[in-house]
Amino acid sequence: MPLTRPDALALMHEYTASEALRKHMYAVELAMRAMAARTSEDIEAWGLVGLLHDFDYERFPNAAHSATDEHPAEGVRILTGLGLPEASGRAILGHATYTGVARDTPMAKGLFAVDELCGFLVACALVRPSRSLIDLEVASVRKKLKDKAFARAVSRDDVVQGAAELGAPLEEHIAFVLGALRPHERQLGLGAP
């Protein structure tokens, strides 16, 4: 039986205590759904991959960057046992470059391309007076990407490589993901209180 969004949401909440990490997974889900719609792919399948890609991160941290143990390998084992299709599992594995799993499907390329960027866009919004994505411009995001002290945990190389793997100019990719997240910023804890 296929994994449903309510099942995935319950699993994500069971494994993830951090509200910030939950919001990150929501953001990636939203971006993945938008990407799937743009390319006429399976919106539900892509959304589930976005929602679940980091669900195991807190329980199975992977400081050693093992390709086969802990995050994301352990999470994919759990998800496969619950009926997640192999292609979805490979996409989740591929979002962590250290796994060595090729991003050879549109879904895998999409997840890699939106993961770090979603985190970066939220970080950009949080330092604005409005705490909003609505007035965040692509030029501001590009400027912040050059500031290595800002949002240090975000891999700038992954952001750039993700757009390149999609075959999209970085500015267009940033604008697309911003457009996907803006209508849902309240769900992500952004915007005026």
N, C-alpha and C. Protein backbone atom coordinates (compact mmCIF):
# COMPACT_ATOMS: atom_id res chain seq x y z
N MET A 1 0.84 -1.18 0.00
CA MET A 1 0.00 0.00 0.00
C MET A 1 0.89 1.25 0.00
N PRO A 2 0.59 2.21 -0.89
CA PRO A 2 1.45 3.40 -0.96
C PRO A 2 1.34 4.27 0.30
N LEU A 3 2.41 4.96 0.56
CA LEU A 3 2.47 5.90 1.69
C LEU A 3 1.63 7.13 1.33
N THR A 4 0.77 7.55 2.24
CA THR A 4 -0.07 8.73 2.00
C THR A 4 0.52 9.95 2.71
N ARG A 5 0.05 11.13 2.35
CA ARG A 5 0.54 12.33 3.01
C ARG A 5 0.21 12.33 4.50
N PRO A 6 -1.02 11.93 4.92
CA PRO A 6 -1.27 11.87 6.37
C PRO A 6 -0.31 10.92 7.09
N ASP A 7 0.01 9.79 6.47
CA ASP A 7 0.99 8.86 7.06
C ASP A 7 2.36 9.53 7.16
N ALA A 8 2.75 10.19 6.07
CA ALA A 8 4.05 10.85 6.03
C ALA A 8 4.14 11.96 7.06
N LEU A 9 3.07 12.73 7.20
CA LEU A 9 3.04 13.81 8.17
C LEU A 9 3.15 13.27 9.59
N ALA A 10 2.43 12.20 9.88
CA ALA A 10 2.51 11.59 11.22
C ALA A 10 3.92 11.07 11.50
N LEU A 11 4.53 10.46 10.51
CA LEU A 11 5.89 9.94 10.66
C LEU A 11 6.88 11.08 10.89
N MET A 12 6.75 12.13 10.11
CA MET A 12 7.64 13.27 10.25
C MET A 12 7.51 13.88 11.65
N HIS A 13 6.28 14.00 12.15
CA HIS A 13 6.07 14.56 13.49
C HIS A 13 6.59 13.60 14.57
N GLU A 14 6.46 12.31 14.36
CA GLU A 14 6.97 11.33 15.32
C GLU A 14 8.49 11.39 15.45
N TYR A 15 9.17 11.59 14.34
CA TYR A 15 10.63 11.55 14.33
C TYR A 15 11.29 12.91 14.52
N THR A 16 10.56 13.99 14.31
CA THR A 16 11.17 15.33 14.31
C THR A 16 10.53 16.21 15.37
N ALA A 17 11.29 16.57 16.38
CA ALA A 17 10.80 17.45 17.44
C ALA A 17 10.99 18.92 17.09
N SER A 18 12.05 19.22 16.35
CA SER A 18 12.39 20.61 16.03
C SER A 18 11.36 21.24 15.11
N GLU A 19 10.75 22.33 15.59
CA GLU A 19 9.77 23.05 14.76
C GLU A 19 10.47 23.66 13.54
N ALA A 20 11.69 24.11 13.69
CA ALA A 20 12.42 24.69 12.56
C ALA A 20 12.66 23.63 11.48
N LEU A 21 13.03 22.43 11.88
CA LEU A 21 13.26 21.37 10.89
C LEU A 21 11.94 20.96 10.24
N ARG A 22 10.88 20.92 11.00
CA ARG A 22 9.56 20.61 10.42
C ARG A 22 9.20 21.65 9.36
N LYS A 23 9.39 22.92 9.69
CA LYS A 23 9.08 23.98 8.74
C LYS A 23 9.95 23.89 7.50
N HIS A 24 11.20 23.49 7.68
CA HIS A 24 12.06 23.28 6.51
C HIS A 24 11.48 22.20 5.60
N MET A 25 11.03 21.11 6.19
CA MET A 25 10.46 20.03 5.39
C MET A 25 9.17 20.47 4.70
N TYR A 26 8.37 21.30 5.37
CA TYR A 26 7.17 21.85 4.73
C TYR A 26 7.57 22.71 3.53
N ALA A 27 8.60 23.54 3.70
CA ALA A 27 9.05 24.41 2.61
C ALA A 27 9.52 23.57 1.42
N VAL A 28 10.29 22.54 1.69
CA VAL A 28 10.78 21.70 0.60
C VAL A 28 9.61 20.97 -0.07
N GLU A 29 8.64 20.55 0.73
CA GLU A 29 7.45 19.92 0.14
C GLU A 29 6.75 20.89 -0.81
N LEU A 30 6.55 22.13 -0.38
CA LEU A 30 5.87 23.12 -1.21
C LEU A 30 6.63 23.37 -2.51
N ALA A 31 7.94 23.51 -2.40
CA ALA A 31 8.76 23.73 -3.60
C ALA A 31 8.71 22.53 -4.53
N MET A 32 8.75 21.33 -3.96
CA MET A 32 8.70 20.12 -4.79
C MET A 32 7.34 20.00 -5.49
N ARG A 33 6.27 20.31 -4.80
CA ARG A 33 4.94 20.26 -5.43
C ARG A 33 4.88 21.24 -6.60
N ALA A 34 5.43 22.44 -6.42
CA ALA A 34 5.43 23.44 -7.48
C ALA A 34 6.27 22.96 -8.67
N MET A 35 7.41 22.37 -8.37
CA MET A 35 8.26 21.86 -9.46
C MET A 35 7.56 20.74 -10.22
N ALA A 36 6.90 19.84 -9.51
CA ALA A 36 6.19 18.74 -10.16
C ALA A 36 5.07 19.28 -11.05
N ALA A 37 4.35 20.26 -10.56
CA ALA A 37 3.26 20.85 -11.35
C ALA A 37 3.80 21.51 -12.62
N ARG A 38 4.93 22.20 -12.49
CA ARG A 38 5.53 22.89 -13.64
C ARG A 38 5.96 21.91 -14.72
N THR A 39 6.39 20.72 -14.32
CA THR A 39 6.93 19.75 -15.29
C THR A 39 5.99 18.58 -15.54
N SER A 40 4.74 18.71 -15.08
CA SER A 40 3.71 17.67 -15.27
C SER A 40 4.13 16.32 -14.69
N GLU A 41 4.77 16.35 -13.53
CA GLU A 41 5.15 15.14 -12.81
C GLU A 41 4.10 14.86 -11.74
N ASP A 42 4.30 13.80 -10.98
CA ASP A 42 3.36 13.38 -9.94
C ASP A 42 3.51 14.29 -8.71
N ILE A 43 2.56 15.20 -8.55
CA ILE A 43 2.65 16.20 -7.48
C ILE A 43 2.68 15.55 -6.10
N GLU A 44 1.87 14.52 -5.88
CA GLU A 44 1.84 13.87 -4.57
C GLU A 44 3.15 13.17 -4.27
N ALA A 45 3.69 12.45 -5.23
CA ALA A 45 4.95 11.73 -5.02
C ALA A 45 6.08 12.71 -4.73
N TRP A 46 6.15 13.78 -5.51
CA TRP A 46 7.20 14.77 -5.30
C TRP A 46 7.02 15.47 -3.95
N GLY A 47 5.78 15.76 -3.59
CA GLY A 47 5.52 16.40 -2.31
C GLY A 47 5.94 15.53 -1.14
N LEU A 48 5.65 14.23 -1.22
CA LEU A 48 6.05 13.31 -0.14
C LEU A 48 7.56 13.26 0.02
N VAL A 49 8.27 13.25 -1.09
CA VAL A 49 9.74 13.24 -1.02
C VAL A 49 10.23 14.51 -0.33
N GLY A 50 9.65 15.65 -0.67
CA GLY A 50 10.04 16.89 -0.01
C GLY A 50 9.73 16.88 1.47
N LEU A 51 8.55 16.38 1.81
CA LEU A 51 8.13 16.35 3.22
C LEU A 51 8.97 15.40 4.06
N LEU A 52 9.43 14.31 3.46
CA LEU A 52 10.12 13.27 4.23
C LEU A 52 11.64 13.25 4.09
N HIS A 53 12.20 14.09 3.26
CA HIS A 53 13.63 13.96 2.95
C HIS A 53 14.54 14.06 4.17
N ASP A 54 14.14 14.79 5.19
CA ASP A 54 14.97 14.95 6.40
C ASP A 54 14.30 14.41 7.66
N PHE A 55 13.25 13.61 7.52
CA PHE A 55 12.49 13.19 8.71
C PHE A 55 13.35 12.45 9.72
N ASP A 56 14.41 11.77 9.27
CA ASP A 56 15.27 10.97 10.14
C ASP A 56 16.48 11.74 10.67
N TYR A 57 16.61 13.00 10.30
CA TYR A 57 17.81 13.79 10.59
C TYR A 57 18.12 13.90 12.09
N GLU A 58 17.11 14.10 12.92
CA GLU A 58 17.35 14.24 14.36
C GLU A 58 17.72 12.91 15.02
N ARG A 59 17.04 11.86 14.65
CA ARG A 59 17.29 10.56 15.28
C ARG A 59 18.56 9.89 14.79
N PHE A 60 18.92 10.15 13.56
CA PHE A 60 20.08 9.48 12.96
C PHE A 60 21.02 10.50 12.33
N PRO A 61 21.58 11.40 13.15
CA PRO A 61 22.49 12.40 12.58
C PRO A 61 23.70 11.71 11.97
N ASN A 62 24.29 12.34 11.00
CA ASN A 62 25.36 11.68 10.26
C ASN A 62 26.57 12.59 10.13
N ALA A 63 27.19 12.89 11.26
CA ALA A 63 28.35 13.78 11.25
C ALA A 63 29.50 13.20 10.43
N ALA A 64 29.58 11.88 10.37
CA ALA A 64 30.66 11.23 9.62
C ALA A 64 30.36 11.18 8.12
N HIS A 65 29.16 11.56 7.73
CA HIS A 65 28.74 11.51 6.32
C HIS A 65 28.89 10.12 5.73
N SER A 66 28.42 9.14 6.47
CA SER A 66 28.41 7.76 5.98
C SER A 66 27.38 7.62 4.87
N ALA A 67 27.75 6.94 3.81
CA ALA A 67 26.84 6.73 2.69
C ALA A 67 25.77 5.70 3.00
N THR A 68 26.02 4.84 4.00
CA THR A 68 25.11 3.71 4.23
C THR A 68 24.49 3.68 5.63
N ASP A 69 24.96 4.50 6.54
CA ASP A 69 24.43 4.52 7.90
C ASP A 69 23.86 5.90 8.21
N GLU A 70 22.92 5.92 9.12
CA GLU A 70 22.30 7.14 9.61
C GLU A 70 21.60 7.92 8.50
N HIS A 71 21.43 9.24 8.66
CA HIS A 71 20.70 10.06 7.68
C HIS A 71 21.46 10.18 6.37
N PRO A 72 20.83 10.03 5.22
CA PRO A 72 19.44 9.69 4.96
C PRO A 72 19.21 8.18 4.74
N ALA A 73 20.27 7.39 4.80
CA ALA A 73 20.14 5.95 4.49
C ALA A 73 19.16 5.25 5.43
N GLU A 74 19.25 5.53 6.72
CA GLU A 74 18.35 4.88 7.67
C GLU A 74 16.90 5.28 7.39
N GLY A 75 16.68 6.55 7.12
CA GLY A 75 15.34 7.01 6.81
C GLY A 75 14.77 6.33 5.57
N VAL A 76 15.59 6.17 4.56
CA VAL A 76 15.11 5.52 3.33
C VAL A 76 14.77 4.06 3.60
N ARG A 77 15.55 3.40 4.46
CA ARG A 77 15.21 2.01 4.82
C ARG A 77 13.83 1.95 5.49
N ILE A 78 13.59 2.88 6.40
CA ILE A 78 12.29 2.93 7.09
C ILE A 78 11.17 3.20 6.08
N LEU A 79 11.38 4.18 5.22
CA LEU A 79 10.35 4.57 4.26
C LEU A 79 10.07 3.47 3.24
N THR A 80 11.10 2.78 2.81
CA THR A 80 10.93 1.68 1.86
C THR A 80 10.06 0.60 2.48
N GLY A 81 10.31 0.32 3.76
CA GLY A 81 9.50 -0.66 4.48
C GLY A 81 8.04 -0.25 4.60
N LEU A 82 7.78 1.05 4.49
CA LEU A 82 6.41 1.56 4.58
C LEU A 82 5.77 1.76 3.21
N GLY A 83 6.48 1.35 2.17
CA GLY A 83 5.90 1.41 0.84
C GLY A 83 6.36 2.55 -0.05
N LEU A 84 7.37 3.31 0.36
CA LEU A 84 7.88 4.38 -0.50
C LEU A 84 8.51 3.76 -1.74
N PRO A 85 8.16 4.23 -2.93
CA PRO A 85 8.75 3.67 -4.15
C PRO A 85 10.26 3.87 -4.21
N GLU A 86 10.92 2.97 -4.91
CA GLU A 86 12.38 3.01 -5.01
C GLU A 86 12.89 4.33 -5.57
N ALA A 87 12.24 4.86 -6.60
CA ALA A 87 12.69 6.12 -7.21
C ALA A 87 12.63 7.26 -6.19
N SER A 88 11.64 7.26 -5.34
CA SER A 88 11.53 8.30 -4.31
C SER A 88 12.64 8.14 -3.28
N GLY A 89 12.93 6.91 -2.90
CA GLY A 89 14.03 6.65 -1.98
C GLY A 89 15.37 7.07 -2.55
N ARG A 90 15.58 6.80 -3.83
CA ARG A 90 16.83 7.21 -4.48
C ARG A 90 16.95 8.73 -4.52
N ALA A 91 15.84 9.41 -4.73
CA ALA A 91 15.87 10.87 -4.74
C ALA A 91 16.29 11.39 -3.36
N ILE A 92 15.74 10.78 -2.32
CA ILE A 92 16.10 11.21 -0.95
C ILE A 92 17.57 10.92 -0.68
N LEU A 93 18.05 9.76 -1.08
CA LEU A 93 19.46 9.45 -0.91
C LEU A 93 20.33 10.45 -1.67
N GLY A 94 19.93 10.78 -2.88
CA GLY A 94 20.72 11.67 -3.72
C GLY A 94 20.79 13.11 -3.25
N HIS A 95 19.88 13.51 -2.35
CA HIS A 95 19.95 14.90 -1.89
C HIS A 95 21.15 15.13 -0.99
N ALA A 96 21.74 14.06 -0.48
CA ALA A 96 22.98 14.16 0.31
C ALA A 96 24.12 13.70 -0.59
N THR A 97 24.95 14.62 -1.01
CA THR A 97 26.00 14.28 -1.99
C THR A 97 26.92 13.17 -1.49
N TYR A 98 27.09 13.06 -0.19
CA TYR A 98 28.01 12.06 0.35
C TYR A 98 27.53 10.63 0.18
N THR A 99 26.27 10.43 -0.20
CA THR A 99 25.80 9.05 -0.41
C THR A 99 26.33 8.48 -1.72
N GLY A 100 26.70 9.34 -2.64
CA GLY A 100 27.18 8.88 -3.94
C GLY A 100 26.06 8.40 -4.86
N VAL A 101 24.82 8.57 -4.46
CA VAL A 101 23.69 8.14 -5.29
C VAL A 101 23.44 9.21 -6.35
N ALA A 102 23.45 8.79 -7.60
CA ALA A 102 23.29 9.72 -8.71
C ALA A 102 21.91 10.35 -8.71
N ARG A 103 21.88 11.61 -9.01
CA ARG A 103 20.60 12.31 -9.20
C ARG A 103 20.26 12.21 -10.68
N ASP A 104 19.66 11.08 -11.05
CA ASP A 104 19.44 10.78 -12.46
C ASP A 104 17.98 10.82 -12.87
N THR A 105 17.13 11.39 -12.02
CA THR A 105 15.72 11.56 -12.37
C THR A 105 15.34 13.02 -12.12
N PRO A 106 14.28 13.49 -12.78
CA PRO A 106 13.84 14.86 -12.49
C PRO A 106 13.52 15.07 -11.00
N MET A 107 12.92 14.07 -10.36
CA MET A 107 12.59 14.20 -8.94
C MET A 107 13.86 14.37 -8.09
N ALA A 108 14.87 13.58 -8.36
CA ALA A 108 16.12 13.66 -7.60
C ALA A 108 16.80 15.00 -7.81
N LYS A 109 16.82 15.46 -9.05
CA LYS A 109 17.43 16.76 -9.35
C LYS A 109 16.63 17.87 -8.68
N GLY A 110 15.30 17.74 -8.70
CA GLY A 110 14.46 18.75 -8.08
C GLY A 110 14.68 18.86 -6.58
N LEU A 111 14.74 17.72 -5.90
CA LEU A 111 14.95 17.74 -4.45
C LEU A 111 16.27 18.39 -4.10
N PHE A 112 17.32 18.00 -4.80
CA PHE A 112 18.63 18.59 -4.53
C PHE A 112 18.60 20.10 -4.79
N ALA A 113 17.91 20.50 -5.84
CA ALA A 113 17.89 21.92 -6.21
C ALA A 113 17.12 22.79 -5.25
N VAL A 114 16.11 22.25 -4.57
CA VAL A 114 15.31 23.10 -3.69
C VAL A 114 15.69 22.99 -2.22
N ASP A 115 16.34 21.93 -1.82
CA ASP A 115 16.61 21.68 -0.39
C ASP A 115 17.38 22.82 0.27
N GLU A 116 18.59 23.04 -0.14
CA GLU A 116 19.40 24.10 0.49
C GLU A 116 18.82 25.48 0.20
N LEU A 117 18.28 25.66 -1.00
CA LEU A 117 17.73 26.96 -1.36
C LEU A 117 16.55 27.33 -0.47
N CYS A 118 15.67 26.38 -0.17
CA CYS A 118 14.54 26.68 0.73
C CYS A 118 15.04 27.17 2.08
N GLY A 119 16.03 26.49 2.63
CA GLY A 119 16.59 26.92 3.91
C GLY A 119 17.17 28.31 3.83
N PHE A 120 17.84 28.59 2.73
CA PHE A 120 18.47 29.90 2.56
C PHE A 120 17.42 31.00 2.42
N LEU A 121 16.37 30.74 1.65
CA LEU A 121 15.33 31.75 1.47
C LEU A 121 14.63 32.08 2.79
N VAL A 122 14.37 31.08 3.59
CA VAL A 122 13.75 31.31 4.89
C VAL A 122 14.69 32.13 5.78
N ALA A 123 15.97 31.80 5.76
CA ALA A 123 16.96 32.57 6.54
C ALA A 123 16.98 34.03 6.07
N CYS A 124 16.92 34.26 4.77
CA CYS A 124 16.89 35.62 4.24
C CYS A 124 15.65 36.37 4.73
N ALA A 125 14.52 35.70 4.72
CA ALA A 125 13.28 36.35 5.18
C ALA A 125 13.35 36.70 6.66
N LEU A 126 13.91 35.82 7.45
CA LEU A 126 13.93 36.02 8.91
C LEU A 126 14.74 37.23 9.36
N VAL A 127 15.69 37.68 8.54
CA VAL A 127 16.48 38.85 8.93
C VAL A 127 15.91 40.15 8.37
N ARG A 128 14.85 40.07 7.61
CA ARG A 128 14.21 41.27 7.07
C ARG A 128 13.28 41.88 8.13
N PRO A 129 13.09 43.19 8.12
CA PRO A 129 12.15 43.80 9.08
C PRO A 129 10.74 43.20 8.96
N SER A 130 10.35 42.83 7.75
CA SER A 130 9.02 42.27 7.54
C SER A 130 8.94 40.78 7.89
N ARG A 131 10.10 40.14 8.04
CA ARG A 131 10.18 38.68 8.27
C ARG A 131 9.36 37.94 7.21
N SER A 132 9.42 38.44 5.98
CA SER A 132 8.54 37.95 4.93
C SER A 132 9.31 37.62 3.65
N LEU A 133 8.73 36.69 2.89
CA LEU A 133 9.23 36.37 1.56
C LEU A 133 8.62 37.30 0.51
N ILE A 134 7.51 37.95 0.87
CA ILE A 134 6.76 38.75 -0.09
C ILE A 134 7.61 39.86 -0.68
N ASP A 135 8.39 40.54 0.16
CA ASP A 135 9.21 41.64 -0.33
C ASP A 135 10.68 41.26 -0.52
N LEU A 136 10.97 39.97 -0.49
CA LEU A 136 12.34 39.50 -0.72
C LEU A 136 12.58 39.41 -2.22
N GLU A 137 13.60 40.07 -2.68
CA GLU A 137 13.92 40.12 -4.11
C GLU A 137 15.08 39.17 -4.43
N VAL A 138 15.10 38.70 -5.67
CA VAL A 138 16.15 37.78 -6.12
C VAL A 138 17.53 38.43 -5.94
N ALA A 139 17.64 39.71 -6.25
CA ALA A 139 18.94 40.40 -6.12
C ALA A 139 19.43 40.37 -4.67
N SER A 140 18.53 40.50 -3.72
CA SER A 140 18.91 40.44 -2.30
C SER A 140 19.40 39.04 -1.94
N VAL A 141 18.73 38.03 -2.48
CA VAL A 141 19.15 36.65 -2.22
C VAL A 141 20.53 36.42 -2.79
N ARG A 142 20.78 36.88 -4.01
CA ARG A 142 22.10 36.72 -4.64
C ARG A 142 23.18 37.40 -3.80
N LYS A 143 22.88 38.58 -3.28
CA LYS A 143 23.85 39.31 -2.45
C LYS A 143 24.15 38.52 -1.17
N LYS A 144 23.10 37.98 -0.55
CA LYS A 144 23.30 37.20 0.68
C LYS A 144 24.08 35.92 0.40
N LEU A 145 23.90 35.34 -0.78
CA LEU A 145 24.66 34.12 -1.13
C LEU A 145 26.16 34.38 -1.13
N LYS A 146 26.55 35.61 -1.45
CA LYS A 146 27.98 35.97 -1.47
C LYS A 146 28.54 36.20 -0.08
N ASP A 147 27.67 36.44 0.89
CA ASP A 147 28.09 36.70 2.27
C ASP A 147 28.25 35.36 2.99
N LYS A 148 29.48 34.89 3.08
CA LYS A 148 29.76 33.57 3.66
C LYS A 148 29.43 33.49 5.15
N ALA A 149 29.36 34.63 5.82
CA ALA A 149 29.05 34.63 7.25
C ALA A 149 27.55 34.45 7.50
N PHE A 150 26.73 34.74 6.49
CA PHE A 150 25.29 34.64 6.64
C PHE A 150 24.84 33.20 6.36
N ALA A 151 24.02 32.65 7.25
CA ALA A 151 23.48 31.29 7.08
C ALA A 151 24.59 30.32 6.67
N ARG A 152 25.63 30.29 7.51
CA ARG A 152 26.84 29.49 7.23
C ARG A 152 26.57 28.02 6.91
N ALA A 153 25.53 27.46 7.49
CA ALA A 153 25.26 26.03 7.31
C ALA A 153 24.76 25.70 5.90
N VAL A 154 24.32 26.70 5.16
CA VAL A 154 23.81 26.45 3.81
C VAL A 154 24.97 26.37 2.83
N SER A 155 25.00 25.28 2.08
CA SER A 155 26.05 25.09 1.08
C SER A 155 25.73 25.91 -0.16
N ARG A 156 26.52 26.94 -0.38
CA ARG A 156 26.35 27.75 -1.59
C ARG A 156 26.63 26.92 -2.83
N ASP A 157 27.59 26.02 -2.74
CA ASP A 157 27.91 25.15 -3.88
C ASP A 157 26.70 24.30 -4.26
N ASP A 158 25.98 23.77 -3.27
CA ASP A 158 24.80 22.96 -3.55
C ASP A 158 23.69 23.80 -4.19
N VAL A 159 23.53 25.03 -3.74
CA VAL A 159 22.52 25.91 -4.32
C VAL A 159 22.82 26.13 -5.81
N VAL A 160 24.05 26.46 -6.11
CA VAL A 160 24.46 26.73 -7.49
C VAL A 160 24.39 25.45 -8.32
N GLN A 161 24.92 24.36 -7.78
CA GLN A 161 24.91 23.09 -8.50
C GLN A 161 23.49 22.59 -8.75
N GLY A 162 22.60 22.80 -7.79
CA GLY A 162 21.21 22.37 -7.95
C GLY A 162 20.55 23.04 -9.14
N ALA A 163 20.72 24.35 -9.27
CA ALA A 163 20.15 25.06 -10.43
C ALA A 163 20.79 24.55 -11.71
N ALA A 164 22.11 24.35 -11.68
CA ALA A 164 22.81 23.87 -12.88
C ALA A 164 22.31 22.49 -13.30
N GLU A 165 22.08 21.60 -12.33
CA GLU A 165 21.59 20.26 -12.67
C GLU A 165 20.19 20.31 -13.27
N LEU A 166 19.42 21.32 -12.92
CA LEU A 166 18.10 21.50 -13.53
C LEU A 166 18.20 22.14 -14.91
N GLY A 167 19.37 22.71 -15.21
CA GLY A 167 19.53 23.44 -16.46
C GLY A 167 18.87 24.80 -16.41
N ALA A 168 18.76 25.36 -15.21
CA ALA A 168 18.09 26.65 -15.03
C ALA A 168 19.09 27.70 -14.58
N PRO A 169 18.99 28.92 -15.09
CA PRO A 169 19.80 30.01 -14.54
C PRO A 169 19.46 30.18 -13.06
N LEU A 170 20.47 30.46 -12.26
CA LEU A 170 20.28 30.55 -10.81
C LEU A 170 19.20 31.57 -10.45
N GLU A 171 19.20 32.73 -11.08
CA GLU A 171 18.22 33.77 -10.76
C GLU A 171 16.79 33.28 -11.02
N GLU A 172 16.61 32.57 -12.13
CA GLU A 172 15.27 32.05 -12.45
C GLU A 172 14.84 30.99 -11.44
N HIS A 173 15.79 30.16 -11.02
CA HIS A 173 15.46 29.12 -10.05
C HIS A 173 15.09 29.74 -8.70
N ILE A 174 15.84 30.73 -8.28
CA ILE A 174 15.53 31.43 -7.02
C ILE A 174 14.13 32.05 -7.12
N ALA A 175 13.84 32.71 -8.23
CA ALA A 175 12.53 33.35 -8.40
C ALA A 175 11.41 32.32 -8.37
N PHE A 176 11.64 31.16 -8.98
CA PHE A 176 10.61 30.13 -9.01
C PHE A 176 10.32 29.61 -7.60
N VAL A 177 11.37 29.31 -6.84
CA VAL A 177 11.17 28.78 -5.49
C VAL A 177 10.56 29.85 -4.58
N LEU A 178 10.98 31.08 -4.73
CA LEU A 178 10.34 32.17 -3.97
C LEU A 178 8.85 32.22 -4.28
N GLY A 179 8.51 32.12 -5.54
CA GLY A 179 7.11 32.15 -5.95
C GLY A 179 6.31 30.99 -5.38
N ALA A 180 6.96 29.83 -5.25
CA ALA A 180 6.29 28.65 -4.69
C ALA A 180 6.05 28.81 -3.19
N LEU A 181 6.95 29.46 -2.48
CA LEU A 181 6.86 29.57 -1.03
C LEU A 181 6.03 30.76 -0.55
N ARG A 182 6.03 31.85 -1.29
CA ARG A 182 5.37 33.09 -0.83
C ARG A 182 3.93 32.89 -0.36
N PRO A 183 3.08 32.19 -1.12
CA PRO A 183 1.69 32.07 -0.67
C PRO A 183 1.52 31.28 0.63
N HIS A 184 2.57 30.59 1.05
CA HIS A 184 2.48 29.71 2.22
C HIS A 184 3.39 30.17 3.37
N GLU A 185 3.82 31.42 3.31
CA GLU A 185 4.81 31.85 4.30
C GLU A 185 4.32 31.76 5.74
N ARG A 186 3.03 31.92 5.98
CA ARG A 186 2.52 31.80 7.36
C ARG A 186 2.76 30.38 7.89
N GLN A 187 2.54 29.38 7.06
CA GLN A 187 2.78 27.99 7.44
C GLN A 187 4.25 27.78 7.81
N LEU A 188 5.12 28.58 7.21
CA LEU A 188 6.56 28.45 7.44
C LEU A 188 7.03 29.34 8.59
N GLY A 189 6.11 30.01 9.27
CA GLY A 189 6.45 30.84 10.41
C GLY A 189 6.99 32.20 10.00
N LEU A 190 6.64 32.66 8.80
CA LEU A 190 7.15 33.92 8.29
C LEU A 190 6.03 34.93 8.19
N GLY A 191 6.40 36.18 7.93
CA GLY A 191 5.42 37.25 7.79
C GLY A 191 5.15 37.93 9.11
N ALA A 192 4.36 38.96 9.04
CA ALA A 192 4.01 39.74 10.25
C ALA A 192 3.17 38.88 11.19
N PRO A 193 3.41 39.03 12.50
CA PRO A 193 2.64 38.24 13.48
C PRO A 193 1.17 38.60 13.49
